[in-house]
């Protein structure tokens, strides 16, 4: 998921579809009014004929009629990049896209953190096991601490940790 950009709105306007919508999966797609089974209120949820729930972000008519931004279109009928960028920022705020993007980023970060944490825990357990084995092999925890350059208390804790697993 990402924020809507002015370029997205220009692409939508150039494409000549009726609606710019956001899918449940976080994709921006364009549709015609006939593709929907429900209402097309701005920021409202509606469903496509394929039973896909989408959020309506922008209607072409809003741009073409000049209701929202009277100066949106240039003399040749193209959408101004500056106005499109301003529209995108308003839609991002009003449709709650900043929060949705943040939630997705937090979920992605959390998943990555959980993966790294699991690996760190596995390595810590393996380290404790190997230090415990070394302490046994070299005749004690003091000897293992000297060989590894660790404090004796650290080795003692790791040997206890290995014994508890």
Protein backbone atom coordinates (compact mmCIF):
# COMPACT_ATOMS: atom_id res chain seq x y z
CA UNK A 1 0.00 0.00 0.00
CA UNK A 2 1.19 3.50 -0.78
CA UNK A 3 -0.14 7.02 -0.87
CA UNK A 4 -1.97 8.37 -3.88
CA UNK A 5 0.10 10.73 -6.05
CA UNK A 6 -0.68 13.48 -8.51
CA UNK A 7 0.65 11.21 -11.26
CA UNK A 8 -1.96 8.59 -10.29
CA UNK A 9 -4.72 11.17 -10.69
CA UNK A 10 -3.35 12.35 -14.04
CA UNK A 11 -3.16 8.74 -15.25
CA UNK A 12 -6.75 8.23 -14.08
CA UNK A 13 -7.94 11.36 -15.87
CA UNK A 14 -6.08 10.44 -19.06
CA UNK A 15 -7.51 6.92 -18.98
CA UNK A 16 -11.11 8.12 -19.28
CA UNK A 17 -12.64 5.71 -16.75
CA UNK A 18 -15.34 7.07 -14.42
CA UNK A 19 -13.87 6.23 -11.01
CA UNK A 20 -10.54 5.95 -9.24
CA UNK A 21 -10.88 3.40 -6.45
CA UNK A 22 -8.77 1.69 -3.81
CA UNK A 23 -9.02 -2.10 -3.53
CA UNK A 24 -8.93 -4.03 -0.26
CA UNK A 25 -5.39 -5.05 -1.25
CA UNK A 26 -4.27 -1.43 -1.37
CA UNK A 27 -4.13 -1.00 -5.16
CA UNK A 28 -5.43 2.01 -7.05
CA UNK A 29 -7.54 0.93 -10.03
CA UNK A 30 -9.99 2.64 -12.34
CA UNK A 31 -13.53 1.50 -13.04
CA UNK A 32 -16.66 2.64 -14.80
CA UNK A 33 -19.91 3.27 -12.94
CA UNK A 34 -21.34 0.12 -14.53
CA UNK A 35 -18.65 -2.01 -12.87
CA UNK A 36 -20.16 -1.38 -9.44
CA UNK A 37 -23.20 -2.81 -7.71
CA UNK A 38 -23.52 -0.04 -5.13
CA UNK A 39 -23.26 3.68 -4.64
CA UNK A 40 -20.26 5.75 -5.64
CA UNK A 41 -20.02 8.25 -2.79
CA UNK A 42 -16.55 9.67 -2.24
CA UNK A 43 -14.61 7.57 0.27
CA UNK A 44 -17.52 5.19 0.53
CA UNK A 45 -17.22 1.44 0.30
CA UNK A 46 -18.94 -0.24 -2.60
CA UNK A 47 -18.73 -3.57 -4.36
CA UNK A 48 -17.88 -4.54 -7.92
CA UNK A 49 -19.86 -7.11 -9.89
CA UNK A 50 -17.07 -9.54 -8.97
CA UNK A 51 -17.84 -9.01 -5.24
CA UNK A 52 -14.63 -7.06 -4.67
CA UNK A 53 -15.00 -4.32 -2.08
CA UNK A 54 -13.47 -1.00 -3.12
CA UNK A 55 -13.29 2.52 -1.74
CA UNK A 56 -14.23 5.26 -4.19
CA UNK A 57 -11.57 7.97 -4.15
CA UNK A 58 -12.41 10.19 -7.09
CA UNK A 59 -14.99 10.56 -9.86
CA UNK A 60 -13.95 11.83 -13.29
CA UNK A 61 -16.94 14.16 -13.32
CA UNK A 62 -15.50 15.95 -10.28
CA UNK A 63 -12.47 16.93 -12.35
CA UNK A 64 -14.17 17.54 -15.69
CA UNK A 65 -17.03 19.66 -14.32
CA UNK A 66 -14.62 21.79 -12.31
CA UNK A 67 -16.75 21.48 -9.18
CA UNK A 68 -13.86 20.72 -6.87
CA UNK A 69 -11.01 22.66 -8.49
CA UNK A 70 -12.33 25.11 -11.09
CA UNK A 71 -8.82 25.66 -12.51
CA UNK A 72 -7.84 21.96 -12.62
CA UNK A 73 -7.84 21.63 -16.40
CA UNK A 74 -5.53 23.50 -18.75
CA UNK A 75 -6.79 25.05 -21.98
CA UNK A 76 -6.11 21.82 -23.88
CA UNK A 77 -8.16 19.77 -21.35
CA UNK A 78 -5.26 18.13 -19.53
CA UNK A 79 -5.07 18.04 -15.77
CA UNK A 80 -2.51 20.35 -14.16
CA UNK A 81 0.19 18.44 -12.26
CA UNK A 82 0.12 20.93 -9.38
CA UNK A 83 -3.64 20.60 -8.99
CA UNK A 84 -3.43 16.81 -9.29
CA UNK A 85 -0.82 16.73 -6.52
CA UNK A 86 -3.04 18.90 -4.33
CA UNK A 87 -6.01 16.62 -5.04
CA UNK A 88 -3.94 13.58 -4.13
CA UNK A 89 -2.90 15.08 -0.80
CA UNK A 90 -6.50 15.97 0.06
CA UNK A 91 -7.66 12.46 -0.85
CA UNK A 92 -4.81 10.90 1.15
CA UNK A 93 -5.95 12.88 4.20
CA UNK A 94 -9.72 12.61 3.78
CA UNK A 95 -9.74 8.91 2.89
CA UNK A 96 -7.39 8.06 5.77
CA UNK A 97 -4.68 6.73 3.47
CA UNK A 98 -1.86 8.07 5.65
CA UNK A 99 -3.11 5.92 8.52
CA UNK A 100 -3.67 2.89 6.28
CA UNK A 101 -0.14 3.19 4.87
CA UNK A 102 1.27 3.58 8.38
CA UNK A 103 -0.63 0.51 9.59
CA UNK A 104 0.69 -1.55 6.67
CA UNK A 105 4.25 -0.33 7.26
CA UNK A 106 3.97 -1.19 10.97
CA UNK A 107 2.67 -4.66 10.11
CA UNK A 108 5.56 -5.19 7.69
CA UNK A 109 8.10 -3.94 10.24
CA UNK A 110 6.57 -6.10 12.96
CA UNK A 111 6.77 -9.20 10.76
CA UNK A 112 10.42 -8.46 9.94
CA UNK A 113 11.18 -7.78 13.61
CA UNK A 114 9.50 -11.04 14.70
CA UNK A 115 11.55 -12.96 12.14
CA UNK A 116 14.80 -11.37 13.29
CA UNK A 117 13.88 -11.84 16.95
CA UNK A 118 13.16 -15.52 16.41
CA UNK A 119 16.54 -15.95 14.73
CA UNK A 120 18.29 -14.02 17.51
CA UNK A 121 16.60 -16.22 20.13
CA UNK A 122 17.66 -19.35 18.26
CA UNK A 123 21.25 -18.12 18.06
CA UNK A 124 21.29 -17.16 21.75
CA UNK A 125 20.10 -20.64 22.69
CA UNK A 126 22.71 -22.22 20.43
CA UNK A 127 25.44 -19.97 21.91
CA UNK A 128 24.45 -20.96 25.45
CA UNK A 129 24.46 -24.66 24.52
CA UNK A 130 27.88 -24.45 22.87
CA UNK A 131 29.40 -22.51 25.78
CA UNK A 132 28.01 -25.09 28.19
CA UNK A 133 29.60 -27.86 26.10
CA UNK A 134 32.91 -25.97 26.07
CA UNK A 135 32.80 -25.53 29.86
CA UNK A 136 32.31 -29.26 30.27
CA UNK A 137 35.05 -30.10 27.77
CA UNK A 138 37.68 -27.77 29.23
CA UNK A 139 37.06 -28.60 32.86
CA UNK A 140 34.88 -25.80 34.14
CA UNK A 141 33.22 -22.51 33.65
CA UNK A 142 36.27 -20.49 34.68
CA UNK A 143 38.41 -22.12 32.00
CA UNK A 144 35.67 -21.54 29.38
CA UNK A 145 35.41 -17.88 30.42
CA UNK A 146 39.19 -17.40 30.04
CA UNK A 147 39.22 -19.10 26.62
CA UNK A 148 36.33 -17.00 25.36
CA UNK A 149 37.41 -13.73 27.00
CA UNK A 150 34.09 -13.48 28.85
CA UNK A 151 33.25 -12.70 32.46
CA UNK A 152 32.78 -15.78 34.57
CA UNK A 153 29.29 -14.55 35.52
CA UNK A 154 28.32 -14.43 31.83
CA UNK A 155 29.47 -18.02 31.31
CA UNK A 156 27.67 -19.10 34.51
CA UNK A 157 24.41 -17.56 33.27
CA UNK A 158 24.75 -19.15 29.85
CA UNK A 159 25.46 -22.59 31.31
CA UNK A 160 22.35 -22.25 33.51
CA UNK A 161 20.34 -21.13 30.46
CA UNK A 162 21.52 -24.18 28.48
CA UNK A 163 20.65 -26.49 31.36
CA UNK A 164 17.14 -25.08 31.57
CA UNK A 165 16.35 -25.86 27.93
